[in-house]
Amino acid sequence: MYIPALALALAATTFAMPANNLPPRQPAELLVSFSTWSCPGCGLSETEFCISFAHPVREADTCFGLEPGQASLLVDYAASAECTVYLYNSRDCSDPVPTPYKVQDPITCEAVPVLNNSFKVVC
């Protein structure tokens, strides 16, 4: 006797709830993509094992932490030629003169100065 009443109450509350008419949230556009390696040469040497980290960046002017001990970097995509990856010694991207990296043609592996702790993309 209580089951039909419970089912009716559940159905009524389900249909009485307002519909969410908001469109689904779209992911932000990829601004820059770069990878770092724990060894020089971007891991291209077959005799040297090193760890790589991918960095797909969708937010400009935001400071991100960089994995410790990175020795090389390769920027493989930029949405705009003006987008630049900056590496900082500080953890909060407050260095007055950061090291800049851009997409190059051809794509080129670059050495990373020691003690870089953070990065920011500026477009």
PDB file of N, CA and C in Angstrom:
ATOM      1  N   MET A   1       0.816  -1.186   0.000  1.00  0.00           N
ATOM      2  CA  MET A   1       0.000   0.000   0.000  1.00  0.00           C
ATOM      3  C   MET A   1       0.866   1.259   0.000  1.00  0.00           C
ATOM      4  N   TYR A   2       1.984   1.204   0.713  1.00  0.00           N
ATOM      5  CA  TYR A   2       2.853   2.379   0.764  1.00  0.00           C
ATOM      6  C   TYR A   2       3.752   2.491  -0.471  1.00  0.00           C
ATOM      7  N   ILE A   3       4.033   1.386  -1.133  1.00  0.00           N
ATOM      8  CA  ILE A   3       4.945   1.404  -2.273  1.00  0.00           C
ATOM      9  C   ILE A   3       4.395   2.252  -3.425  1.00  0.00           C
ATOM     10  N   PRO A   4       3.127   2.111  -3.836  1.00  0.00           N
ATOM     11  CA  PRO A   4       2.644   2.975  -4.921  1.00  0.00           C
ATOM     12  C   PRO A   4       2.682   4.458  -4.542  1.00  0.00           C
ATOM     13  N   ALA A   5       2.392   4.778  -3.296  1.00  0.00           N
ATOM     14  CA  ALA A   5       2.415   6.178  -2.868  1.00  0.00           C
ATOM     15  C   ALA A   5       3.843   6.720  -2.894  1.00  0.00           C
ATOM     16  N   LEU A   6       4.802   5.900  -2.480  1.00  0.00           N
ATOM     17  CA  LEU A   6       6.205   6.304  -2.498  1.00  0.00           C
ATOM     18  C   LEU A   6       6.692   6.509  -3.937  1.00  0.00           C
ATOM     19  N   ALA A   7       6.327   5.605  -4.827  1.00  0.00           N
ATOM     20  CA  ALA A   7       6.719   5.733  -6.228  1.00  0.00           C
ATOM     21  C   ALA A   7       6.124   6.990  -6.847  1.00  0.00           C
ATOM     22  N   LEU A   8       4.865   7.281  -6.517  1.00  0.00           N
ATOM     23  CA  LEU A   8       4.208   8.477  -7.034  1.00  0.00           C
ATOM     24  C   LEU A   8       4.898   9.738  -6.510  1.00  0.00           C
ATOM     25  N   ALA A   9       5.277   9.745  -5.243  1.00  0.00           N
ATOM     26  CA  ALA A   9       5.954  10.901  -4.655  1.00  0.00           C
ATOM     27  C   ALA A   9       7.328  11.120  -5.302  1.00  0.00           C
ATOM     28  N   LEU A  10       8.081  10.041  -5.527  1.00  0.00           N
ATOM     29  CA  LEU A  10       9.386  10.159  -6.181  1.00  0.00           C
ATOM     30  C   LEU A  10       9.246  10.676  -7.611  1.00  0.00           C
ATOM     31  N   ALA A  11       8.268  10.162  -8.331  1.00  0.00           N
ATOM     32  CA  ALA A  11       8.058  10.606  -9.707  1.00  0.00           C
ATOM     33  C   ALA A  11       7.668  12.077  -9.744  1.00  0.00           C
ATOM     34  N   ALA A  12       6.832  12.510  -8.826  1.00  0.00           N
ATOM     35  CA  ALA A  12       6.379  13.903  -8.802  1.00  0.00           C
ATOM     36  C   ALA A  12       7.538  14.850  -8.501  1.00  0.00           C
ATOM     37  N   THR A  13       8.415  14.488  -7.569  1.00  0.00           N
ATOM     38  CA  THR A  13       9.539  15.372  -7.247  1.00  0.00           C
ATOM     39  C   THR A  13      10.581  15.382  -8.364  1.00  0.00           C
ATOM     40  N   THR A  14      10.725  14.270  -9.062  1.00  0.00           N
ATOM     41  CA  THR A  14      11.680  14.216 -10.169  1.00  0.00           C
ATOM     42  C   THR A  14      11.259  15.149 -11.294  1.00  0.00           C
ATOM     43  N   PHE A  15       9.997  15.115 -11.662  1.00  0.00           N
ATOM     44  CA  PHE A  15       9.517  15.946 -12.765  1.00  0.00           C
ATOM     45  C   PHE A  15       9.305  17.394 -12.349  1.00  0.00           C
ATOM     46  N   ALA A  16       9.176  17.662 -11.061  1.00  0.00           N
ATOM     47  CA  ALA A  16       8.948  19.024 -10.594  1.00  0.00           C
ATOM     48  C   ALA A  16      10.244  19.827 -10.492  1.00  0.00           C
ATOM     49  N   MET A  17      11.404  19.154 -10.536  1.00  0.00           N
ATOM     50  CA  MET A  17      12.681  19.856 -10.418  1.00  0.00           C
ATOM     51  C   MET A  17      12.938  20.676 -11.684  1.00  0.00           C
ATOM     52  N   PRO A  18      13.487  21.886 -11.551  1.00  0.00           N
ATOM     53  CA  PRO A  18      13.755  22.711 -12.734  1.00  0.00           C
ATOM     54  C   PRO A  18      14.867  22.096 -13.581  1.00  0.00           C
ATOM     55  N   ALA A  19      14.749  22.237 -14.870  1.00  0.00           N
ATOM     56  CA  ALA A  19      15.761  21.711 -15.785  1.00  0.00           C
ATOM     57  C   ALA A  19      16.963  22.649 -15.810  1.00  0.00           C
ATOM     58  N   ASN A  20      18.133  22.077 -15.909  1.00  0.00           N
ATOM     59  CA  ASN A  20      19.352  22.870 -16.033  1.00  0.00           C
ATOM     60  C   ASN A  20      19.536  23.176 -17.515  1.00  0.00           C
ATOM     61  N   ASN A  21      19.218  24.384 -17.907  1.00  0.00           N
ATOM     62  CA  ASN A  21      19.279  24.759 -19.313  1.00  0.00           C
ATOM     63  C   ASN A  21      20.618  25.363 -19.717  1.00  0.00           C
ATOM     64  N   LEU A  22      21.605  25.284 -18.862  1.00  0.00           N
ATOM     65  CA  LEU A  22      22.921  25.826 -19.194  1.00  0.00           C
ATOM     66  C   LEU A  22      23.625  24.900 -20.181  1.00  0.00           C
ATOM     67  N   PRO A  23      24.330  25.451 -21.153  1.00  0.00           N
ATOM     68  CA  PRO A  23      25.075  24.588 -22.079  1.00  0.00           C
ATOM     69  C   PRO A  23      26.236  23.928 -21.347  1.00  0.00           C
ATOM     70  N   PRO A  24      26.683  22.776 -21.832  1.00  0.00           N
ATOM     71  CA  PRO A  24      27.822  22.127 -21.164  1.00  0.00           C
ATOM     72  C   PRO A  24      29.056  23.007 -21.256  1.00  0.00           C
ATOM     73  N   ARG A  25      29.855  22.986 -20.208  1.00  0.00           N
ATOM     74  CA  ARG A  25      31.067  23.815 -20.162  1.00  0.00           C
ATOM     75  C   ARG A  25      32.117  23.249 -21.109  1.00  0.00           C
ATOM     76  N   GLN A  26      32.637  24.099 -21.964  1.00  0.00           N
ATOM     77  CA  GLN A  26      33.651  23.689 -22.931  1.00  0.00           C
ATOM     78  C   GLN A  26      35.041  23.855 -22.312  1.00  0.00           C
ATOM     79  N   PRO A  27      35.959  22.916 -22.585  1.00  0.00           N
ATOM     80  CA  PRO A  27      37.319  23.090 -22.069  1.00  0.00           C
ATOM     81  C   PRO A  27      37.982  24.284 -22.742  1.00  0.00           C
ATOM     82  N   ALA A  28      38.873  24.915 -22.011  1.00  0.00           N
ATOM     83  CA  ALA A  28      39.593  26.074 -22.551  1.00  0.00           C
ATOM     84  C   ALA A  28      40.487  25.627 -23.704  1.00  0.00           C
ATOM     85  N   GLU A  29      40.707  26.534 -24.626  1.00  0.00           N
ATOM     86  CA  GLU A  29      41.553  26.246 -25.786  1.00  0.00           C
ATOM     87  C   GLU A  29      43.002  26.071 -25.344  1.00  0.00           C
ATOM     88  N   LEU A  30      43.679  25.125 -25.959  1.00  0.00           N
ATOM     89  CA  LEU A  30      45.090  24.886 -25.668  1.00  0.00           C
ATOM     90  C   LEU A  30      45.913  26.062 -26.186  1.00  0.00           C
ATOM     91  N   LEU A  31      46.671  26.703 -25.296  1.00  0.00           N
ATOM     92  CA  LEU A  31      47.510  27.844 -25.676  1.00  0.00           C
ATOM     93  C   LEU A  31      48.900  27.404 -26.113  1.00  0.00           C
ATOM     94  N   VAL A  32      49.500  26.553 -25.298  1.00  0.00           N
ATOM     95  CA  VAL A  32      50.867  26.085 -25.549  1.00  0.00           C
ATOM     96  C   VAL A  32      50.979  24.653 -25.062  1.00  0.00           C
ATOM     97  N   SER A  33      51.783  23.875 -25.747  1.00  0.00           N
ATOM     98  CA  SER A  33      52.116  22.534 -25.289  1.00  0.00           C
ATOM     99  C   SER A  33      53.634  22.406 -25.330  1.00  0.00           C
ATOM    100  N   PHE A  34      54.199  21.983 -24.208  1.00  0.00           N
ATOM    101  CA  PHE A  34      55.643  21.745 -24.183  1.00  0.00           C
ATOM    102  C   PHE A  34      55.936  20.580 -23.261  1.00  0.00           C
ATOM    103  N   SER A  35      57.100  19.990 -23.443  1.00  0.00           N
ATOM    104  CA  SER A  35      57.541  18.874 -22.609  1.00  0.00           C
ATOM    105  C   SER A  35      58.904  19.200 -22.035  1.00  0.00           C
ATOM    106  N   THR A  36      59.159  18.667 -20.847  1.00  0.00           N
ATOM    107  CA  THR A  36      60.472  18.802 -20.217  1.00  0.00           C
ATOM    108  C   THR A  36      61.020  17.408 -19.941  1.00  0.00           C
ATOM    109  N   TRP A  37      62.343  17.311 -19.864  1.00  0.00           N
ATOM    110  CA  TRP A  37      63.016  16.048 -19.597  1.00  0.00           C
ATOM    111  C   TRP A  37      64.029  16.236 -18.479  1.00  0.00           C
ATOM    112  N   SER A  38      64.277  15.164 -17.760  1.00  0.00           N
ATOM    113  CA  SER A  38      65.246  15.202 -16.662  1.00  0.00           C
ATOM    114  C   SER A  38      66.677  15.016 -17.156  1.00  0.00           C
ATOM    115  N   CYS A  39      66.877  14.904 -18.463  1.00  0.00           N
ATOM    116  CA  CYS A  39      68.219  14.771 -19.030  1.00  0.00           C
ATOM    117  C   CYS A  39      68.381  15.763 -20.177  1.00  0.00           C
ATOM    118  N   PRO A  40      69.617  16.102 -20.540  1.00  0.00           N
ATOM    119  CA  PRO A  40      69.814  16.998 -21.682  1.00  0.00           C
ATOM    120  C   PRO A  40      69.428  16.286 -22.982  1.00  0.00           C
ATOM    121  N   GLY A  41      69.079  17.049 -23.991  1.00  0.00           N
ATOM    122  CA  GLY A  41      68.795  16.462 -25.297  1.00  0.00           C
ATOM    123  C   GLY A  41      67.377  15.955 -25.477  1.00  0.00           C
ATOM    124  N   CYS A  42      66.483  16.291 -24.571  1.00  0.00           N
ATOM    125  CA  CYS A  42      65.062  15.917 -24.687  1.00  0.00           C
ATOM    126  C   CYS A  42      64.842  14.414 -24.836  1.00  0.00           C
ATOM    127  N   GLY A  43      65.688  13.626 -24.218  1.00  0.00           N
ATOM    128  CA  GLY A  43      65.507  12.177 -24.220  1.00  0.00           C
ATOM    129  C   GLY A  43      65.756  11.511 -25.555  1.00  0.00           C
ATOM    130  N   LEU A  44      66.456  12.182 -26.469  1.00  0.00           N
ATOM    131  CA  LEU A  44      66.687  11.621 -27.801  1.00  0.00           C
ATOM    132  C   LEU A  44      67.833  10.619 -27.838  1.00  0.00           C
ATOM    133  N   SER A  45      68.668  10.612 -26.805  1.00  0.00           N
ATOM    134  CA  SER A  45      69.779   9.670 -26.749  1.00  0.00           C
ATOM    135  C   SER A  45      69.247   8.291 -26.366  1.00  0.00           C
ATOM    136  N   GLU A  46      69.633   7.280 -27.127  1.00  0.00           N
ATOM    137  CA  GLU A  46      69.180   5.919 -26.835  1.00  0.00           C
ATOM    138  C   GLU A  46      69.937   5.302 -25.668  1.00  0.00           C
ATOM    139  N   THR A  47      71.040   5.899 -25.263  1.00  0.00           N
ATOM    140  CA  THR A  47      71.842   5.339 -24.179  1.00  0.00           C
ATOM    141  C   THR A  47      71.490   5.940 -22.829  1.00  0.00           C
ATOM    142  N   GLU A  48      70.652   6.946 -22.809  1.00  0.00           N
ATOM    143  CA  GLU A  48      70.348   7.646 -21.566  1.00  0.00           C
ATOM    144  C   GLU A  48      68.853   7.555 -21.265  1.00  0.00           C
ATOM    145  N   PHE A  49      68.520   7.075 -20.078  1.00  0.00           N
ATOM    146  CA  PHE A  49      67.121   7.019 -19.663  1.00  0.00           C
ATOM    147  C   PHE A  49      66.792   8.294 -18.895  1.00  0.00           C
ATOM    148  N   CYS A  50      65.698   8.908 -19.243  1.00  0.00           N
ATOM    149  CA  CYS A  50      65.266  10.073 -18.477  1.00  0.00           C
ATOM    150  C   CYS A  50      63.741  10.152 -18.474  1.00  0.00           C
ATOM    151  N   ILE A  51      63.225  10.889 -17.532  1.00  0.00           N
ATOM    152  CA  ILE A  51      61.782  11.033 -17.348  1.00  0.00           C
ATOM    153  C   ILE A  51      61.321  12.299 -18.053  1.00  0.00           C
ATOM    154  N   SER A  52      60.183  12.205 -18.738  1.00  0.00           N
ATOM    155  CA  SER A  52      59.631  13.388 -19.401  1.00  0.00           C
ATOM    156  C   SER A  52      58.291  13.754 -18.773  1.00  0.00           C
ATOM    157  N   PHE A  53      57.960  15.032 -18.864  1.00  0.00           N
ATOM    158  CA  PHE A  53      56.696  15.555 -18.353  1.00  0.00           C
ATOM    159  C   PHE A  53      56.049  16.409 -19.433  1.00  0.00           C
ATOM    160  N   ALA A  54      54.804  16.113 -19.761  1.00  0.00           N
ATOM    161  CA  ALA A  54      54.055  16.914 -20.730  1.00  0.00           C
ATOM    162  C   ALA A  54      53.375  18.069 -20.002  1.00  0.00           C
ATOM    163  N   HIS A  55      53.323  19.216 -20.646  1.00  0.00           N
ATOM    164  CA  HIS A  55      52.710  20.411 -20.066  1.00  0.00           C
ATOM    165  C   HIS A  55      51.751  21.043 -21.076  1.00  0.00           C
ATOM    166  N   PRO A  56      50.505  20.548 -21.151  1.00  0.00           N
ATOM    167  CA  PRO A  56      49.514  21.232 -21.988  1.00  0.00           C
ATOM    168  C   PRO A  56      48.943  22.409 -21.193  1.00  0.00           C
ATOM    169  N   VAL A  57      49.120  23.623 -21.665  1.00  0.00           N
ATOM    170  CA  VAL A  57      48.744  24.816 -20.898  1.00  0.00           C
ATOM    171  C   VAL A  57      47.532  25.475 -21.548  1.00  0.00           C
ATOM    172  N   ARG A  58      46.481  25.666 -20.751  1.00  0.00           N
ATOM    173  CA  ARG A  58      45.243  26.275 -21.234  1.00  0.00           C
ATOM    174  C   ARG A  58      44.968  27.631 -20.587  1.00  0.00           C
ATOM    175  N   GLU A  59      45.827  28.038 -19.650  1.00  0.00           N
ATOM    176  CA  GLU A  59      45.625  29.306 -18.948  1.00  0.00           C
ATOM    177  C   GLU A  59      46.855  30.190 -19.096  1.00  0.00           C
ATOM    178  N   ALA A  60      46.655  31.396 -19.604  1.00  0.00           N
ATOM    179  CA  ALA A  60      47.756  32.351 -19.719  1.00  0.00           C
ATOM    180  C   ALA A  60      47.904  33.125 -18.415  1.00  0.00           C
ATOM    181  N   ASP A  61      49.099  33.634 -18.192  1.00  0.00           N
ATOM    182  CA  ASP A  61      49.400  34.472 -17.023  1.00  0.00           C
ATOM    183  C   ASP A  61      49.089  33.794 -15.695  1.00  0.00           C
ATOM    184  N   THR A  62      49.255  32.485 -15.638  1.00  0.00           N
ATOM    185  CA  THR A  62      49.055  31.720 -14.410  1.00  0.00           C
ATOM    186  C   THR A  62      50.355  30.997 -14.092  1.00  0.00           C
ATOM    187  N   CYS A  63      50.803  31.085 -12.849  1.00  0.00           N
ATOM    188  CA  CYS A  63      52.050  30.453 -12.433  1.00  0.00           C
ATOM    189  C   CYS A  63      51.798  28.984 -12.083  1.00  0.00           C
ATOM    190  N   PHE A  64      52.607  28.091 -12.641  1.00  0.00           N
ATOM    191  CA  PHE A  64      52.518  26.659 -12.371  1.00  0.00           C
ATOM    192  C   PHE A  64      53.865  26.167 -11.861  1.00  0.00           C
ATOM    193  N   GLY A  65      53.851  25.169 -10.999  1.00  0.00           N
ATOM    194  CA  GLY A  65      55.084  24.555 -10.528  1.00  0.00           C
ATOM    195  C   GLY A  65      55.710  23.693 -11.610  1.00  0.00           C
ATOM    196  N   LEU A  66      57.027  23.657 -11.636  1.00  0.00           N
ATOM    197  CA  LEU A  66      57.767  22.834 -12.587  1.00  0.00           C
ATOM    198  C   LEU A  66      58.410  21.690 -11.816  1.00  0.00           C
ATOM    199  N   GLU A  67      58.406  20.512 -12.399  1.00  0.00           N
ATOM    200  CA  GLU A  67      59.011  19.360 -11.749  1.00  0.00           C
ATOM    201  C   GLU A  67      60.493  19.642 -11.501  1.00  0.00           C
ATOM    202  N   PRO A  68      61.030  19.216 -10.361  1.00  0.00           N
ATOM    203  CA  PRO A  68      62.444  19.493 -10.059  1.00  0.00           C
ATOM    204  C   PRO A  68      63.385  18.720 -10.984  1.00  0.00           C
ATOM    205  N   GLY A  69      64.537  19.302 -11.238  1.00  0.00           N
ATOM    206  CA  GLY A  69      65.594  18.615 -11.973  1.00  0.00           C
ATOM    207  C   GLY A  69      65.389  18.513 -13.474  1.00  0.00           C
ATOM    208  N   GLN A  70      64.648  19.410 -14.076  1.00  0.00           N
ATOM    209  CA  GLN A  70      64.443  19.357 -15.527  1.00  0.00           C
ATOM    210  C   GLN A  70      65.657  19.945 -16.245  1.00  0.00           C
ATOM    211  N   ALA A  71      66.139  19.253 -17.277  1.00  0.00           N
ATOM    212  CA  ALA A  71      67.371  19.663 -17.955  1.00  0.00           C
ATOM    213  C   ALA A  71      67.165  20.105 -19.399  1.00  0.00           C
ATOM    214  N   SER A  72      66.038  19.733 -20.008  1.00  0.00           N
ATOM    215  CA  SER A  72      65.786  20.156 -21.387  1.00  0.00           C
ATOM    216  C   SER A  72      64.296  20.361 -21.605  1.00  0.00           C
ATOM    217  N   LEU A  73      63.984  21.109 -22.661  1.00  0.00           N
ATOM    218  CA  LEU A  73      62.607  21.522 -22.914  1.00  0.00           C
ATOM    219  C   LEU A  73      62.382  21.616 -24.419  1.00  0.00           C
ATOM    220  N   LEU A  74      61.168  21.261 -24.837  1.00  0.00           N
ATOM    221  CA  LEU A  74      60.799  21.369 -26.236  1.00  0.00           C
ATOM    222  C   LEU A  74      59.375  21.900 -26.312  1.00  0.00           C
ATOM    223  N   VAL A  75      59.185  23.070 -26.902  1.00  0.00           N
ATOM    224  CA  VAL A  75      57.851  23.636 -27.104  1.00  0.00           C
ATOM    225  C   VAL A  75      57.376  23.117 -28.453  1.00  0.00           C
ATOM    226  N   ASP A  76      56.296  22.319 -28.459  1.00  0.00           N
ATOM    227  CA  ASP A  76      55.859  21.709 -29.712  1.00  0.00           C
ATOM    228  C   ASP A  76      54.567  22.280 -30.279  1.00  0.00           C
ATOM    229  N   TYR A  77      53.904  23.176 -29.550  1.00  0.00           N
ATOM    230  CA  TYR A  77      52.679  23.793 -30.071  1.00  0.00           C
ATOM    231  C   TYR A  77      52.447  25.135 -29.389  1.00  0.00           C
ATOM    232  N   ALA A  78      52.004  26.110 -30.155  1.00  0.00           N
ATOM    233  CA  ALA A  78      51.553  27.393 -29.610  1.00  0.00           C
ATOM    234  C   ALA A  78      50.388  27.870 -30.468  1.00  0.00           C
ATOM    235  N   ALA A  79      49.305  28.289 -29.832  1.00  0.00           N
ATOM    236  CA  ALA A  79      48.127  28.763 -30.552  1.00  0.00           C
ATOM    237  C   ALA A  79      48.437  30.038 -31.318  1.00  0.00           C
ATOM    238  N   SER A  80      49.416  30.781 -30.846  1.00  0.00           N
ATOM    239  CA  SER A  80      49.799  32.039 -31.479  1.00  0.00           C
ATOM    240  C   SER A  80      51.314  32.194 -31.387  1.00  0.00           C
ATOM    241  N   ALA A  81      51.892  32.865 -32.365  1.00  0.00           N
ATOM    242  CA  ALA A  81      53.344  33.097 -32.349  1.00  0.00           C
ATOM    243  C   ALA A  81      53.767  33.962 -31.173  1.00  0.00           C
ATOM    244  N   GLU A  82      52.836  34.720 -30.611  1.00  0.00           N
ATOM    245  CA  GLU A  82      53.153  35.579 -29.465  1.00  0.00           C
ATOM    246  C   GLU A  82      53.204  34.809 -28.144  1.00  0.00           C
ATOM    247  N   CYS A  83      52.680  33.578 -28.103  1.00  0.00           N
ATOM    248  CA  CYS A  83      52.682  32.808 -26.854  1.00  0.00           C
ATOM    249  C   CYS A  83      54.101  32.357 -26.524  1.00  0.00           C
ATOM    250  N   THR A  84      54.526  32.655 -25.307  1.00  0.00           N
ATOM    251  CA  THR A  84      55.874  32.333 -24.853  1.00  0.00           C
ATOM    252  C   THR A  84      55.800  31.641 -23.503  1.00  0.00           C
ATOM    253  N   VAL A  85      56.615  30.603 -23.329  1.00  0.00           N
ATOM    254  CA  VAL A  85      56.758  29.927 -22.038  1.00  0.00           C
ATOM    255  C   VAL A  85      57.917  30.599 -21.318  1.00  0.00           C
ATOM    256  N   TYR A  86      57.689  31.016 -20.085  1.00  0.00           N
ATOM    257  CA  TYR A  86      58.744  31.614 -19.266  1.00  0.00           C
ATOM    258  C   TYR A  86      59.033  30.696 -18.088  1.00  0.00           C
ATOM    259  N   LEU A  87      60.321  30.381 -17.872  1.00  0.00           N
ATOM    260  CA  LEU A  87      60.744  29.593 -16.710  1.00  0.00           C
ATOM    261  C   LEU A  87      61.317  30.531 -15.662  1.00  0.00           C
ATOM    262  N   TYR A  88      60.988  30.240 -14.404  1.00  0.00           N
ATOM    263  CA  TYR A  88      61.393  31.090 -13.280  1.00  0.00           C
ATOM    264  C   TYR A  88      62.160  30.269 -12.252  1.00  0.00           C
ATOM    265  N   ASN A  89      63.123  30.906 -11.588  1.00  0.00           N
ATOM    266  CA  ASN A  89      63.819  30.265 -10.473  1.00  0.00           C
ATOM    267  C   ASN A  89      62.925  30.211  -9.243  1.00  0.00           C
ATOM    268  N   SER A  90      62.126  31.242  -9.041  1.00  0.00           N
ATOM    269  CA  SER A  90      61.248  31.300  -7.869  1.00  0.00           C
ATOM    270  C   SER A  90      60.060  30.358  -8.058  1.00  0.00           C
ATOM    271  N   ARG A  91      59.419  30.011  -6.967  1.00  0.00           N
ATOM    272  CA  ARG A  91      58.242  29.146  -7.034  1.00  0.00           C
ATOM    273  C   ARG A  91      56.971  29.916  -7.373  1.00  0.00           C
ATOM    274  N   ASP A  92      57.013  31.251  -7.287  1.00  0.00           N
ATOM    275  CA  ASP A  92      55.810  32.056  -7.521  1.00  0.00           C
ATOM    276  C   ASP A  92      55.911  32.934  -8.771  1.00  0.00           C
ATOM    277  N   CYS A  93      56.825  32.612  -9.670  1.00  0.00           N
ATOM    278  CA  CYS A  93      56.999  33.344 -10.941  1.00  0.00           C
ATOM    279  C   CYS A  93      57.276  34.827 -10.729  1.00  0.00           C
ATOM    280  N   SER A  94      58.069  35.144  -9.721  1.00  0.00           N
ATOM    281  CA  SER A  94      58.329  36.548  -9.400  1.00  0.00           C
ATOM    282  C   SER A  94      59.713  37.033  -9.841  1.00  0.00           C
ATOM    283  N   ASP A  95      60.480  36.208 -10.556  1.00  0.00           N
ATOM    284  CA  ASP A  95      61.805  36.646 -11.010  1.00  0.00           C
ATOM    285  C   ASP A  95      61.671  37.854 -11.930  1.00  0.00           C
ATOM    286  N   PRO A  96      62.588  38.807 -11.834  1.00  0.00           N
ATOM    287  CA  PRO A  96      62.509  39.970 -12.717  1.00  0.00           C
ATOM    288  C   PRO A  96      62.848  39.648 -14.175  1.00  0.00           C
ATOM    289  N   VAL A  97      63.704  38.638 -14.411  1.00  0.00           N
ATOM    290  CA  VAL A  97      64.103  38.289 -15.783  1.00  0.00           C
ATOM    291  C   VAL A  97      63.999  36.768 -15.964  1.00  0.00           C
ATOM    292  N   PRO A  98      62.815  36.265 -16.338  1.00  0.00           N
ATOM    293  CA  PRO A  98      62.673  34.821 -16.556  1.00  0.00           C
ATOM    294  C   PRO A  98      63.307  34.396 -17.881  1.00  0.00           C
ATOM    295  N   THR A  99      63.481  33.088 -18.068  1.00  0.00           N
ATOM    296  CA  THR A  99      64.037  32.543 -19.307  1.00  0.00           C
ATOM    297  C   THR A  99      62.900  32.247 -20.279  1.00  0.00           C
ATOM    298  N   PRO A 100      62.897  32.864 -21.493  1.00  0.00           N
ATOM    299  CA  PRO A 100      61.802  32.652 -22.447  1.00  0.00           C
ATOM    300  C   PRO A 100      62.053  31.470 -23.396  1.00  0.00           C
ATOM    301  N   TYR A 101      60.978  30.783 -23.768  1.00  0.00           N
ATOM    302  CA  TYR A 101      61.018  29.706 -24.759  1.00  0.00           C
ATOM    303  C   TYR A 101      59.816  29.868 -25.674  1.00  0.00           C
ATOM    304  N   LYS A 102      60.029  29.686 -26.980  1.00  0.00           N
ATOM    305  CA  LYS A 102      58.956  29.786 -27.977  1.00  0.00           C
ATOM    306  C   LYS A 102      59.004  28.572 -28.895  1.00  0.00           C
ATOM    307  N   VAL A 103      57.911  28.366 -29.641  1.00  0.00           N
ATOM    308  CA  VAL A 103      57.925  27.356 -30.690  1.00  0.00           C
ATOM    309  C   VAL A 103      58.902  27.810 -31.761  1.00  0.00           C
ATOM    310  N   GLN A 104      59.744  26.895 -32.216  1.00  0.00           N
ATOM    311  CA  GLN A 104      60.709  27.216 -33.266  1.00  0.00           C
ATOM    312  C   GLN A 104      60.436  26.346 -34.483  1.00  0.00           C
ATOM    313  N   ASP A 105      60.877  26.812 -35.628  1.00  0.00           N
ATOM    314  CA  ASP A 105      60.717  26.037 -36.847  1.00  0.00           C
ATOM    315  C   ASP A 105      62.099  25.791 -37.428  1.00  0.00           C
ATOM    316  N   PRO A 106      62.625  24.599 -37.404  1.00  0.00           N
ATOM    317  CA  PRO A 106      61.998  23.380 -36.901  1.00  0.00           C
ATOM    318  C   PRO A 106      61.964  23.350 -35.369  1.00  0.00           C
ATOM    319  N   ILE A 107      61.094  22.490 -34.838  1.00  0.00           N
ATOM    320  CA  ILE A 107      60.982  22.338 -33.381  1.00  0.00           C
ATOM    321  C   ILE A 107      62.338  21.904 -32.841  1.00  0.00           C
ATOM    322  N   THR A 108      62.805  22.601 -31.813  1.00  0.00           N
ATOM    323  CA  THR A 108      64.168  22.425 -31.320  1.00  0.00           C
ATOM    324  C   THR A 108      64.179  22.133 -29.826  1.00  0.00           C
ATOM    325  N   CYS A 109      65.017  21.178 -29.431  1.00  0.00           N
ATOM    326  CA  CYS A 109      65.228  20.891 -28.016  1.00  0.00           C
ATOM    327  C   CYS A 109      66.170  21.944 -27.449  1.00  0.00           C
ATOM    328  N   GLU A 110      65.816  22.483 -26.288  1.00  0.00           N
ATOM    329  CA  GLU A 110      66.636  23.527 -25.671  1.00  0.00           C
ATOM    330  C   GLU A 110      67.022  23.128 -24.251  1.00  0.00           C
ATOM    331  N   ALA A 111      68.205  23.564 -23.838  1.00  0.00           N
ATOM    332  CA  ALA A 111      68.664  23.311 -22.472  1.00  0.00           C
ATOM    333  C   ALA A 111      67.883  24.185 -21.499  1.00  0.00           C
ATOM    334  N   VAL A 112      67.645  23.650 -20.325  1.00  0.00           N
ATOM    335  CA  VAL A 112      66.951  24.393 -19.267  1.00  0.00           C
ATOM    336  C   VAL A 112      67.980  24.767 -18.210  1.00  0.00           C
ATOM    337  N   PRO A 113      68.070  26.051 -17.841  1.00  0.00           N
ATOM    338  CA  PRO A 113      68.982  26.434 -16.763  1.00  0.00           C
ATOM    339  C   PRO A 113      68.613  25.708 -15.464  1.00  0.00           C
ATOM    340  N   VAL A 114      69.618  25.444 -14.647  1.00  0.00           N
ATOM    341  CA  VAL A 114      69.360  24.748 -13.386  1.00  0.00           C
ATOM    342  C   VAL A 114      68.502  25.599 -12.458  1.00  0.00           C
ATOM    343  N   LEU A 115      67.857  24.941 -11.536  1.00  0.00           N
ATOM    344  CA  LEU A 115      67.065  25.562 -10.470  1.00  0.00           C
ATOM    345  C   LEU A 115      65.808  26.293 -10.942  1.00  0.00           C
ATOM    346  N   ASN A 116      65.221  25.888 -12.044  1.00  0.00           N
ATOM    347  CA  ASN A 116      63.931  26.451 -12.417  1.00  0.00           C
ATOM    348  C   ASN A 116      62.849  25.731 -11.638  1.00  0.00           C
ATOM    349  N   ASN A 117      61.962  26.502 -11.018  1.00  0.00           N
ATOM    350  CA  ASN A 117      60.940  25.928 -10.150  1.00  0.00           C
ATOM    351  C   ASN A 117      59.512  26.183 -10.609  1.00  0.00           C
ATOM    352  N   SER A 118      59.314  27.078 -11.575  1.00  0.00           N
ATOM    353  CA  SER A 118      57.953  27.394 -12.003  1.00  0.00           C
ATOM    354  C   SER A 118      57.957  27.891 -13.441  1.00  0.00           C
ATOM    355  N   PHE A 119      56.760  27.946 -14.021  1.00  0.00           N
ATOM    356  CA  PHE A 119      56.626  28.471 -15.378  1.00  0.00           C
ATOM    357  C   PHE A 119      55.298  29.191 -15.538  1.00  0.00           C
ATOM    358  N   LYS A 120      55.263  30.043 -16.550  1.00  0.00           N
ATOM    359  CA  LYS A 120      54.062  30.804 -16.882  1.00  0.00           C
ATOM    360  C   LYS A 120      54.044  30.980 -18.395  1.00  0.00           C
ATOM    361  N   VAL A 121      52.850  30.941 -18.981  1.00  0.00           N
ATOM    362  CA  VAL A 121      52.690  31.206 -20.408  1.00  0.00           C
ATOM    363  C   VAL A 121      52.090  32.590 -20.564  1.00  0.00           C
ATOM    364  N   VAL A 122      52.701  33.396 -21.425  1.00  0.00           N
ATOM    365  CA  VAL A 122      52.202  34.742 -21.709  1.00  0.00           C
ATOM    366  C   VAL A 122      51.922  34.817 -23.204  1.00  0.00           C
ATOM    367  N   CYS A 123      50.705  35.232 -23.549  1.00  0.00           N
ATOM    368  CA  CYS A 123      50.315  35.370 -24.968  1.00  0.00           C
ATOM    369  C   CYS A 123      49.919  36.804 -25.256  1.00  0.00           C
TER     370      CYS A 123
END
